[in-house]
Amino acid sequence: MNEKITIIEGPPPTFEAVHDGWALGLNESPILAEVALTRLRTYNGPALVERCYRAWHNSQPILLEFRSPEGLEQKAPIVAARAVDVDEGQLLFLWVRLEDENLEVEFGYDDDDEDLDMPGTQS
């Protein structure tokens, strides 16, 4: 049975795409996914982080379980966790792997810098 952290009340979590170099290394998988960050208020942040560390130490996955805006049960693998004390209480930062069969990845570059002299081109 997989370990999990369940959001039992409040709105669905919001996720931000992560583009930090260290976090991109967490996404090594044969499944197309994106690493995203969510911030959750909690009363026991250090205990939840410890639960993640124990699962990873035992080579077990740990999942974030939550309801989508449509009310459907969703799960996302947690790949990193951190608890922080703030004035309002504790925040739990969870980095998760959002897997989606409809996720699209685009490769390319911006060519807005047309005034740059590139070798082999003429201005």
N, C-alpha and C. Protein backbone atom coordinates (compact mmCIF):
# COMPACT_ATOMS: atom_id res chain seq x y z
N MET A 1 0.84 -1.18 0.00
CA MET A 1 0.00 0.00 0.00
C MET A 1 0.89 1.25 0.00
N ASN A 2 0.57 2.19 -0.86
CA ASN A 2 1.34 3.42 -0.96
C ASN A 2 1.02 4.36 0.20
N GLU A 3 2.06 5.04 0.68
CA GLU A 3 1.87 6.11 1.65
C GLU A 3 1.23 7.29 0.93
N LYS A 4 0.47 8.11 1.67
CA LYS A 4 -0.14 9.27 1.04
C LYS A 4 -0.35 10.37 2.06
N ILE A 5 -0.40 11.57 1.56
CA ILE A 5 -0.80 12.75 2.31
C ILE A 5 -2.09 13.22 1.66
N THR A 6 -3.14 13.32 2.44
CA THR A 6 -4.46 13.64 1.91
C THR A 6 -4.90 15.03 2.34
N ILE A 7 -5.36 15.81 1.39
CA ILE A 7 -5.97 17.10 1.69
C ILE A 7 -7.43 16.82 1.98
N ILE A 8 -7.85 17.06 3.24
CA ILE A 8 -9.21 16.67 3.62
C ILE A 8 -10.19 17.83 3.65
N GLU A 9 -9.70 19.06 3.69
CA GLU A 9 -10.63 20.19 3.65
C GLU A 9 -9.97 21.35 2.95
N GLY A 10 -10.81 22.27 2.52
CA GLY A 10 -10.31 23.44 1.81
C GLY A 10 -10.43 23.26 0.31
N PRO A 11 -10.04 24.28 -0.43
CA PRO A 11 -10.13 24.22 -1.89
C PRO A 11 -9.07 23.29 -2.46
N PRO A 12 -9.23 22.90 -3.72
CA PRO A 12 -8.19 22.08 -4.37
C PRO A 12 -6.87 22.85 -4.38
N PRO A 13 -5.76 22.14 -4.32
CA PRO A 13 -4.46 22.84 -4.33
C PRO A 13 -4.20 23.49 -5.68
N THR A 14 -3.41 24.55 -5.65
CA THR A 14 -2.95 25.16 -6.89
C THR A 14 -1.51 24.73 -7.09
N PHE A 15 -1.14 24.53 -8.33
CA PHE A 15 0.19 24.05 -8.68
C PHE A 15 0.88 25.06 -9.57
N GLU A 16 2.16 25.29 -9.30
CA GLU A 16 2.99 26.16 -10.13
C GLU A 16 4.04 25.30 -10.81
N ALA A 17 4.23 25.49 -12.09
CA ALA A 17 5.30 24.78 -12.79
C ALA A 17 6.64 25.22 -12.23
N VAL A 18 7.55 24.29 -12.09
CA VAL A 18 8.87 24.56 -11.52
C VAL A 18 9.90 24.44 -12.63
N HIS A 19 10.76 25.45 -12.73
CA HIS A 19 11.78 25.44 -13.77
C HIS A 19 13.18 25.57 -13.18
N ASP A 20 13.31 25.36 -11.86
CA ASP A 20 14.62 25.38 -11.21
C ASP A 20 15.40 24.14 -11.63
N GLY A 21 16.70 24.31 -11.81
CA GLY A 21 17.55 23.20 -12.26
C GLY A 21 17.48 21.98 -11.36
N TRP A 22 17.52 22.17 -10.04
CA TRP A 22 17.50 21.01 -9.13
C TRP A 22 16.18 20.26 -9.23
N ALA A 23 15.07 20.98 -9.40
CA ALA A 23 13.77 20.33 -9.46
C ALA A 23 13.56 19.57 -10.78
N LEU A 24 14.17 20.06 -11.84
CA LEU A 24 14.03 19.37 -13.12
C LEU A 24 14.67 17.99 -13.06
N GLY A 25 15.71 17.83 -12.25
CA GLY A 25 16.35 16.54 -12.08
C GLY A 25 15.45 15.52 -11.39
N LEU A 26 14.41 15.99 -10.70
CA LEU A 26 13.47 15.09 -10.04
C LEU A 26 12.51 14.43 -11.02
N ASN A 27 12.51 14.89 -12.23
CA ASN A 27 11.53 14.45 -13.22
C ASN A 27 12.06 13.37 -14.13
N GLU A 28 13.09 12.67 -13.74
CA GLU A 28 13.63 11.62 -14.58
C GLU A 28 12.71 10.42 -14.51
N SER A 29 11.98 10.20 -15.59
CA SER A 29 10.97 9.15 -15.62
C SER A 29 10.63 8.85 -17.07
N PRO A 30 10.21 7.62 -17.36
CA PRO A 30 9.79 7.32 -18.72
C PRO A 30 8.41 7.90 -19.05
N ILE A 31 7.73 8.45 -18.03
CA ILE A 31 6.40 9.00 -18.21
C ILE A 31 6.51 10.51 -18.39
N LEU A 32 5.81 11.05 -19.38
CA LEU A 32 5.81 12.48 -19.61
C LEU A 32 5.08 13.16 -18.46
N ALA A 33 5.76 14.02 -17.75
CA ALA A 33 5.19 14.68 -16.58
C ALA A 33 5.88 16.02 -16.38
N GLU A 34 5.33 16.80 -15.47
CA GLU A 34 5.91 18.09 -15.13
C GLU A 34 6.01 18.18 -13.62
N VAL A 35 7.11 18.71 -13.11
CA VAL A 35 7.25 18.92 -11.68
C VAL A 35 6.59 20.25 -11.35
N ALA A 36 5.72 20.23 -10.33
CA ALA A 36 5.00 21.43 -9.91
C ALA A 36 5.07 21.56 -8.40
N LEU A 37 4.94 22.78 -7.93
CA LEU A 37 4.99 23.09 -6.50
C LEU A 37 3.61 23.49 -6.02
N THR A 38 3.24 22.99 -4.84
CA THR A 38 2.03 23.45 -4.17
C THR A 38 2.39 23.80 -2.74
N ARG A 39 1.71 24.80 -2.20
CA ARG A 39 1.91 25.23 -0.82
C ARG A 39 0.64 24.96 -0.04
N LEU A 40 0.77 24.26 1.09
CA LEU A 40 -0.39 23.88 1.88
C LEU A 40 -0.21 24.33 3.32
N ARG A 41 -1.27 24.84 3.93
CA ARG A 41 -1.24 25.15 5.35
C ARG A 41 -1.43 23.85 6.12
N THR A 42 -0.72 23.71 7.23
CA THR A 42 -0.79 22.47 8.00
C THR A 42 -0.49 22.75 9.47
N TYR A 43 -0.83 21.79 10.30
CA TYR A 43 -0.51 21.88 11.73
C TYR A 43 0.66 20.98 12.10
N ASN A 44 1.04 20.10 11.16
CA ASN A 44 2.09 19.12 11.48
C ASN A 44 3.06 18.95 10.31
N GLY A 45 3.58 20.05 9.80
CA GLY A 45 4.48 20.02 8.65
C GLY A 45 5.70 19.14 8.83
N PRO A 46 6.46 19.27 9.94
CA PRO A 46 7.63 18.42 10.10
C PRO A 46 7.30 16.92 10.12
N ALA A 47 6.16 16.55 10.70
CA ALA A 47 5.77 15.14 10.72
C ALA A 47 5.43 14.64 9.31
N LEU A 48 4.82 15.50 8.50
CA LEU A 48 4.50 15.10 7.13
C LEU A 48 5.77 14.98 6.28
N VAL A 49 6.73 15.88 6.50
CA VAL A 49 8.00 15.77 5.79
C VAL A 49 8.71 14.49 6.21
N GLU A 50 8.68 14.18 7.50
CA GLU A 50 9.30 12.94 7.99
C GLU A 50 8.64 11.71 7.36
N ARG A 51 7.33 11.76 7.18
CA ARG A 51 6.64 10.64 6.52
C ARG A 51 7.14 10.46 5.09
N CYS A 52 7.38 11.57 4.39
CA CYS A 52 7.93 11.50 3.03
C CYS A 52 9.32 10.88 3.06
N TYR A 53 10.18 11.37 3.95
CA TYR A 53 11.55 10.86 4.03
C TYR A 53 11.57 9.36 4.33
N ARG A 54 10.69 8.90 5.23
CA ARG A 54 10.65 7.47 5.55
C ARG A 54 10.25 6.65 4.33
N ALA A 55 9.25 7.11 3.59
CA ALA A 55 8.82 6.39 2.39
C ALA A 55 9.96 6.33 1.38
N TRP A 56 10.62 7.46 1.12
CA TRP A 56 11.71 7.47 0.15
C TRP A 56 12.88 6.61 0.62
N HIS A 57 13.17 6.64 1.93
CA HIS A 57 14.26 5.83 2.47
C HIS A 57 14.00 4.35 2.24
N ASN A 58 12.73 3.95 2.27
CA ASN A 58 12.35 2.57 2.03
C ASN A 58 12.04 2.30 0.56
N SER A 59 12.44 3.22 -0.31
CA SER A 59 12.22 3.11 -1.77
C SER A 59 10.76 2.92 -2.13
N GLN A 60 9.89 3.60 -1.38
CA GLN A 60 8.45 3.54 -1.62
C GLN A 60 7.96 4.91 -2.11
N PRO A 61 6.97 4.94 -2.97
CA PRO A 61 6.40 6.23 -3.38
C PRO A 61 5.50 6.77 -2.27
N ILE A 62 5.31 8.07 -2.29
CA ILE A 62 4.33 8.72 -1.42
C ILE A 62 3.54 9.67 -2.29
N LEU A 63 2.23 9.68 -2.12
CA LEU A 63 1.34 10.41 -3.01
C LEU A 63 0.64 11.55 -2.29
N LEU A 64 0.36 12.62 -3.02
CA LEU A 64 -0.54 13.66 -2.55
C LEU A 64 -1.91 13.31 -3.10
N GLU A 65 -2.88 13.17 -2.21
CA GLU A 65 -4.25 12.84 -2.61
C GLU A 65 -5.12 14.08 -2.38
N PHE A 66 -5.87 14.47 -3.40
CA PHE A 66 -6.67 15.70 -3.33
C PHE A 66 -7.85 15.59 -4.28
N ARG A 67 -8.77 16.51 -4.15
CA ARG A 67 -9.91 16.58 -5.05
C ARG A 67 -9.66 17.66 -6.11
N SER A 68 -10.01 17.34 -7.34
CA SER A 68 -9.88 18.31 -8.43
C SER A 68 -11.01 19.34 -8.28
N PRO A 69 -10.95 20.44 -9.02
CA PRO A 69 -12.04 21.42 -8.97
C PRO A 69 -13.40 20.80 -9.34
N GLU A 70 -13.37 19.71 -10.10
CA GLU A 70 -14.61 19.02 -10.47
C GLU A 70 -15.07 18.04 -9.39
N GLY A 71 -14.28 17.88 -8.32
CA GLY A 71 -14.65 16.98 -7.23
C GLY A 71 -14.12 15.56 -7.39
N LEU A 72 -13.31 15.31 -8.41
CA LEU A 72 -12.77 13.97 -8.64
C LEU A 72 -11.51 13.75 -7.81
N GLU A 73 -11.33 12.53 -7.32
CA GLU A 73 -10.14 12.20 -6.56
C GLU A 73 -8.93 12.13 -7.48
N GLN A 74 -7.87 12.85 -7.11
CA GLN A 74 -6.64 12.89 -7.89
C GLN A 74 -5.48 12.49 -6.98
N LYS A 75 -4.44 11.94 -7.59
CA LYS A 75 -3.22 11.59 -6.86
C LYS A 75 -2.02 12.02 -7.69
N ALA A 76 -1.00 12.50 -6.99
CA ALA A 76 0.23 12.92 -7.66
C ALA A 76 1.41 12.46 -6.80
N PRO A 77 2.43 11.85 -7.40
CA PRO A 77 3.61 11.43 -6.64
C PRO A 77 4.36 12.65 -6.09
N ILE A 78 4.70 12.61 -4.81
CA ILE A 78 5.48 13.67 -4.17
C ILE A 78 6.95 13.35 -4.41
N VAL A 79 7.70 14.33 -4.92
CA VAL A 79 9.12 14.10 -5.21
C VAL A 79 10.05 14.90 -4.30
N ALA A 80 9.52 15.90 -3.58
CA ALA A 80 10.30 16.66 -2.60
C ALA A 80 9.33 17.33 -1.64
N ALA A 81 9.79 17.58 -0.41
CA ALA A 81 8.93 18.19 0.60
C ALA A 81 9.76 19.07 1.53
N ARG A 82 9.11 20.12 2.04
CA ARG A 82 9.76 21.02 3.00
C ARG A 82 8.69 21.68 3.85
N ALA A 83 8.91 21.77 5.14
CA ALA A 83 8.01 22.46 6.05
C ALA A 83 8.66 23.76 6.48
N VAL A 84 7.86 24.84 6.57
CA VAL A 84 8.36 26.16 6.93
C VAL A 84 7.40 26.77 7.94
N ASP A 85 7.96 27.36 9.00
CA ASP A 85 7.15 28.11 9.96
C ASP A 85 7.03 29.55 9.49
N VAL A 86 5.79 30.06 9.45
CA VAL A 86 5.52 31.44 9.10
C VAL A 86 4.66 32.04 10.21
N ASP A 87 4.42 33.33 10.17
CA ASP A 87 3.63 34.00 11.22
C ASP A 87 2.24 33.39 11.38
N GLU A 88 1.64 32.96 10.29
CA GLU A 88 0.28 32.42 10.32
C GLU A 88 0.23 30.95 10.75
N GLY A 89 1.35 30.28 10.88
CA GLY A 89 1.39 28.86 11.23
C GLY A 89 2.47 28.15 10.45
N GLN A 90 2.15 26.96 9.97
CA GLN A 90 3.11 26.17 9.20
C GLN A 90 2.65 26.03 7.76
N LEU A 91 3.62 26.06 6.86
CA LEU A 91 3.37 25.80 5.44
C LEU A 91 4.13 24.55 5.06
N LEU A 92 3.49 23.74 4.25
CA LEU A 92 4.12 22.55 3.69
C LEU A 92 4.30 22.79 2.21
N PHE A 93 5.53 22.78 1.76
CA PHE A 93 5.85 22.90 0.34
C PHE A 93 6.01 21.49 -0.20
N LEU A 94 5.23 21.14 -1.20
CA LEU A 94 5.33 19.83 -1.82
C LEU A 94 5.60 20.01 -3.31
N TRP A 95 6.63 19.34 -3.78
CA TRP A 95 6.92 19.28 -5.21
C TRP A 95 6.37 17.94 -5.67
N VAL A 96 5.50 17.97 -6.66
CA VAL A 96 4.85 16.75 -7.13
C VAL A 96 5.08 16.59 -8.62
N ARG A 97 4.93 15.36 -9.07
CA ARG A 97 5.03 15.06 -10.50
C ARG A 97 3.60 14.96 -11.03
N LEU A 98 3.23 15.91 -11.86
CA LEU A 98 1.89 15.91 -12.46
C LEU A 98 1.96 15.17 -13.78
N GLU A 99 1.36 14.02 -13.80
CA GLU A 99 1.35 13.20 -15.02
C GLU A 99 0.05 13.47 -15.75
N ASP A 100 0.15 13.59 -17.05
CA ASP A 100 -1.04 13.88 -17.85
C ASP A 100 -0.81 13.37 -19.26
N GLU A 101 -1.71 12.53 -19.72
CA GLU A 101 -1.55 12.02 -21.08
C GLU A 101 -1.74 13.12 -22.11
N ASN A 102 -2.34 14.26 -21.71
CA ASN A 102 -2.54 15.37 -22.63
C ASN A 102 -1.46 16.45 -22.49
N LEU A 103 -0.48 16.23 -21.63
CA LEU A 103 0.58 17.20 -21.43
C LEU A 103 1.42 17.31 -22.69
N GLU A 104 1.62 18.53 -23.15
CA GLU A 104 2.40 18.76 -24.36
C GLU A 104 3.70 19.45 -24.00
N VAL A 105 4.75 19.04 -24.65
CA VAL A 105 6.05 19.66 -24.45
C VAL A 105 6.46 20.28 -25.76
N GLU A 106 6.88 21.54 -25.70
CA GLU A 106 7.33 22.24 -26.90
C GLU A 106 8.83 22.47 -26.81
N PHE A 107 9.50 22.20 -27.90
CA PHE A 107 10.93 22.47 -28.00
C PHE A 107 11.12 23.60 -28.99
N GLY A 108 12.02 24.49 -28.69
CA GLY A 108 12.27 25.59 -29.60
C GLY A 108 13.01 26.70 -28.92
N TYR A 109 13.08 27.82 -29.58
CA TYR A 109 13.75 28.98 -29.04
C TYR A 109 13.06 30.22 -29.58
N ASP A 110 13.27 31.31 -28.88
CA ASP A 110 12.72 32.59 -29.33
C ASP A 110 13.68 33.20 -30.34
N ASP A 111 13.16 33.64 -31.46
CA ASP A 111 14.03 34.34 -32.40
C ASP A 111 13.65 35.82 -32.44
N ASP A 112 13.31 36.35 -31.23
CA ASP A 112 13.04 37.77 -31.12
C ASP A 112 14.31 38.60 -31.23
N ASP A 113 15.45 37.96 -31.04
CA ASP A 113 16.73 38.67 -31.07
C ASP A 113 17.31 38.62 -32.47
N GLU A 114 16.59 39.14 -33.44
CA GLU A 114 17.03 39.10 -34.83
C GLU A 114 18.25 39.98 -35.07
N ASP A 115 18.48 40.95 -34.18
CA ASP A 115 19.59 41.85 -34.41
C ASP A 115 20.92 41.26 -33.94
N LEU A 116 20.93 40.08 -33.38
CA LEU A 116 22.18 39.44 -32.99
C LEU A 116 22.88 38.90 -34.22
N ASP A 117 24.18 39.11 -34.30
CA ASP A 117 24.94 38.59 -35.43
C ASP A 117 25.29 37.14 -35.14
N MET A 118 24.75 36.25 -35.91
CA MET A 118 25.02 34.82 -35.76
C MET A 118 26.04 34.43 -36.81
N PRO A 119 26.98 33.56 -36.44
CA PRO A 119 27.95 33.10 -37.45
C PRO A 119 27.23 32.48 -38.63
N GLY A 120 27.66 32.81 -39.81
CA GLY A 120 27.08 32.23 -41.02
C GLY A 120 25.84 32.93 -41.50
N THR A 121 25.46 34.05 -40.86
CA THR A 121 24.28 34.78 -41.31
C THR A 121 24.72 36.18 -41.75
N GLN A 122 23.89 36.79 -42.54
CA GLN A 122 24.19 38.15 -42.98
C GLN A 122 23.15 39.08 -42.43
N SER A 123 23.59 40.28 -42.08
CA SER A 123 22.64 41.29 -41.57
C SER A 123 22.21 42.20 -42.67
